[in-house]
C-alpha atoms as a PDB file:
ATOM      1  CA  MET A   1      10.758  48.663  63.811  1.00  0.00           C
ATOM      2  CA  LYS A   2       9.697  52.286  64.054  1.00  0.00           C
ATOM      3  CA  LEU A   3       7.737  52.750  67.301  1.00  0.00           C
ATOM      4  CA  MET A   4       6.202  56.148  66.459  1.00  0.00           C
ATOM      5  CA  THR A   5       4.637  56.786  63.067  1.00  0.00           C
ATOM      6  CA  ALA A   6       2.965  59.819  61.518  1.00  0.00           C
ATOM      7  CA  ASP A   7      -0.388  58.023  61.782  1.00  0.00           C
ATOM      8  CA  ILE A   8       0.071  57.464  65.519  1.00  0.00           C
ATOM      9  CA  THR A   9       1.083  61.098  66.114  1.00  0.00           C
ATOM     10  CA  ARG A  10      -2.072  62.282  64.317  1.00  0.00           C
ATOM     11  CA  ARG A  11      -4.360  60.030  66.380  1.00  0.00           C
ATOM     12  CA  LEU A  12      -2.658  60.437  69.774  1.00  0.00           C
ATOM     13  CA  PRO A  13      -4.742  62.660  72.073  1.00  0.00           C
ATOM     14  CA  PRO A  14      -2.927  65.101  74.372  1.00  0.00           C
ATOM     15  CA  LEU A  15      -1.963  64.160  77.926  1.00  0.00           C
ATOM     16  CA  TYR A  16      -4.781  64.308  80.490  1.00  0.00           C
ATOM     17  CA  SER A  17      -7.495  64.300  77.801  1.00  0.00           C
ATOM     18  CA  GLN A  18      -8.869  60.887  78.822  1.00  0.00           C
ATOM     19  CA  ASP A  19      -8.443  61.198  82.604  1.00  0.00           C
ATOM     20  CA  ASP A  20     -12.120  60.652  83.301  1.00  0.00           C
ATOM     21  CA  LYS A  21     -12.396  57.491  81.171  1.00  0.00           C
ATOM     22  CA  ASP A  22     -10.263  55.066  83.234  1.00  0.00           C
ATOM     23  CA  LEU A  23     -10.508  51.622  81.553  1.00  0.00           C
ATOM     24  CA  ASP A  24     -12.770  53.088  78.849  1.00  0.00           C
ATOM     25  CA  ALA A  25      -9.846  55.186  77.560  1.00  0.00           C
ATOM     26  CA  HIS A  26      -9.054  54.527  73.897  1.00  0.00           C
ATOM     27  CA  VAL A  27      -5.846  52.645  73.133  1.00  0.00           C
ATOM     28  CA  ILE A  28      -3.983  54.302  70.266  1.00  0.00           C
ATOM     29  CA  VAL A  29      -0.974  51.995  70.084  1.00  0.00           C
ATOM     30  CA  LYS A  30       0.225  48.877  71.871  1.00  0.00           C
ATOM     31  CA  TYR A  31       3.913  48.219  72.476  1.00  0.00           C
ATOM     32  CA  PHE A  32       5.194  44.919  73.800  1.00  0.00           C
ATOM     33  CA  ASN A  33       8.311  42.973  74.658  1.00  0.00           C
ATOM     34  CA  PRO A  34       8.380  39.836  72.491  1.00  0.00           C
ATOM     35  CA  ARG A  35      11.067  38.339  74.748  1.00  0.00           C
ATOM     36  CA  GLY A  36       9.210  38.531  78.052  1.00  0.00           C
ATOM     37  CA  ALA A  37       7.350  40.859  80.377  1.00  0.00           C
ATOM     38  CA  GLY A  38       6.294  44.288  79.257  1.00  0.00           C
ATOM     39  CA  THR A  39       3.138  45.589  77.610  1.00  0.00           C
ATOM     40  CA  TRP A  40       2.223  49.245  77.134  1.00  0.00           C
ATOM     41  CA  LEU A  41      -1.291  50.278  76.043  1.00  0.00           C
ATOM     42  CA  ILE A  42      -0.741  53.915  75.091  1.00  0.00           C
ATOM     43  CA  THR A  43      -3.768  56.183  75.398  1.00  0.00           C
ATOM     44  CA  GLU A  44      -2.249  59.698  75.285  1.00  0.00           C
ATOM     45  CA  GLY A  45       0.945  61.502  74.424  1.00  0.00           C
ATOM     46  CA  GLU A  46       2.592  64.807  73.664  1.00  0.00           C
ATOM     47  CA  GLU A  47       5.732  65.703  71.809  1.00  0.00           C
ATOM     48  CA  GLN A  48       8.309  67.354  74.050  1.00  0.00           C
ATOM     49  CA  GLU A  49      10.476  70.365  73.195  1.00  0.00           C
ATOM     50  CA  ASP A  50      13.445  68.070  72.551  1.00  0.00           C
ATOM     51  CA  GLY A  51      11.447  65.992  70.028  1.00  0.00           C
ATOM     52  CA  ASP A  52      10.912  63.060  72.389  1.00  0.00           C
ATOM     53  CA  TRP A  53       7.375  61.909  73.233  1.00  0.00           C
ATOM     54  CA  MET A  54       5.883  61.739  76.729  1.00  0.00           C
ATOM     55  CA  LEU A  55       3.428  58.839  76.630  1.00  0.00           C
ATOM     56  CA  PHE A  56       0.743  57.744  79.070  1.00  0.00           C
ATOM     57  CA  GLY A  57      -1.080  54.460  79.257  1.00  0.00           C
ATOM     58  CA  TYR A  58      -1.889  51.248  81.056  1.00  0.00           C
ATOM     59  CA  CYS A  59       1.278  49.209  81.501  1.00  0.00           C
ATOM     60  CA  HIS A  60       2.041  45.681  82.639  1.00  0.00           C
ATOM     61  CA  PHE A  61       5.183  44.072  84.061  1.00  0.00           C
ATOM     62  CA  THR A  62       4.012  42.144  87.100  1.00  0.00           C
ATOM     63  CA  GLU A  63       0.641  43.880  87.383  1.00  0.00           C
ATOM     64  CA  TRP A  64      -1.371  46.459  85.437  1.00  0.00           C
ATOM     65  CA  GLU A  65      -0.927  50.126  86.367  1.00  0.00           C
ATOM     66  CA  TRP A  66      -1.263  53.557  84.791  1.00  0.00           C
ATOM     67  CA  GLY A  67       1.987  55.331  84.079  1.00  0.00           C
ATOM     68  CA  TYR A  68       4.078  57.759  82.050  1.00  0.00           C
ATOM     69  CA  LEU A  69       7.132  56.962  79.971  1.00  0.00           C
ATOM     70  CA  LEU A  70       9.249  58.557  77.301  1.00  0.00           C
ATOM     71  CA  LEU A  71       9.373  57.076  73.831  1.00  0.00           C
ATOM     72  CA  SER A  72      13.167  57.245  74.071  1.00  0.00           C
ATOM     73  CA  GLU A  73      13.006  54.890  77.078  1.00  0.00           C
ATOM     74  CA  LEU A  74      11.191  52.267  75.012  1.00  0.00           C
ATOM     75  CA  GLU A  75      13.563  52.774  72.093  1.00  0.00           C
ATOM     76  CA  SER A  76      16.603  52.371  74.356  1.00  0.00           C
ATOM     77  CA  ILE A  77      15.519  48.833  75.280  1.00  0.00           C
ATOM     78  CA  GLY A  78      16.128  47.886  71.661  1.00  0.00           C
ATOM     79  CA  PHE A  79      13.730  44.993  71.130  1.00  0.00           C
ATOM     80  CA  ILE A  80      10.323  46.518  71.924  1.00  0.00           C
ATOM     81  CA  GLU A  81       7.811  46.094  69.130  1.00  0.00           C
ATOM     82  CA  ARG A  82       4.683  47.920  68.054  1.00  0.00           C
ATOM     83  CA  ASP A  83       1.587  45.761  67.621  1.00  0.00           C
ATOM     84  CA  LEU A  84       0.773  46.207  63.940  1.00  0.00           C
ATOM     85  CA  TYR A  85      -2.744  44.841  64.436  1.00  0.00           C
ATOM     86  CA  THR A  86      -3.964  47.154  67.216  1.00  0.00           C
ATOM     87  CA  LYS A  87      -7.461  48.273  66.360  1.00  0.00           C
ATOM     88  CA  PRO A  88      -9.293  51.162  68.025  1.00  0.00           C
ATOM     89  CA  SER A  89     -10.480  49.774  71.339  1.00  0.00           C
ATOM     90  CA  ARG A  90     -10.754  50.500  75.039  1.00  0.00           C
ATOM     91  CA  VAL A  91      -8.170  49.536  77.634  1.00  0.00           C
ATOM     92  CA  ALA A  92     -10.756  47.182  79.173  1.00  0.00           C
ATOM     93  CA  ASP A  93     -10.854  45.176  75.923  1.00  0.00           C
ATOM     94  CA  TYR A  94      -7.262  44.052  76.539  1.00  0.00           C
ATOM     95  CA  LEU A  95      -7.816  42.774  80.071  1.00  0.00           C
END
């Protein structure tokens, strides 16, 4: 499954653009681990010079926390999926 699409890149706001929104930040894409722990609610991102994407969002492994990650890190896991049914919503709507 392709984790980054042209539609996502068009809708993804730049890093730091939703800093003041906290849990009211808009989720653009949700990634998840269908085999266990790991959910990423991506709210912002920017393409890097090397073509990779720096992403920011609310993430969950053992607890929810804000964090940064590279798209290549998600892709390297190999079995991460993109939620095809993510609708425009706030982070708080997922909690």
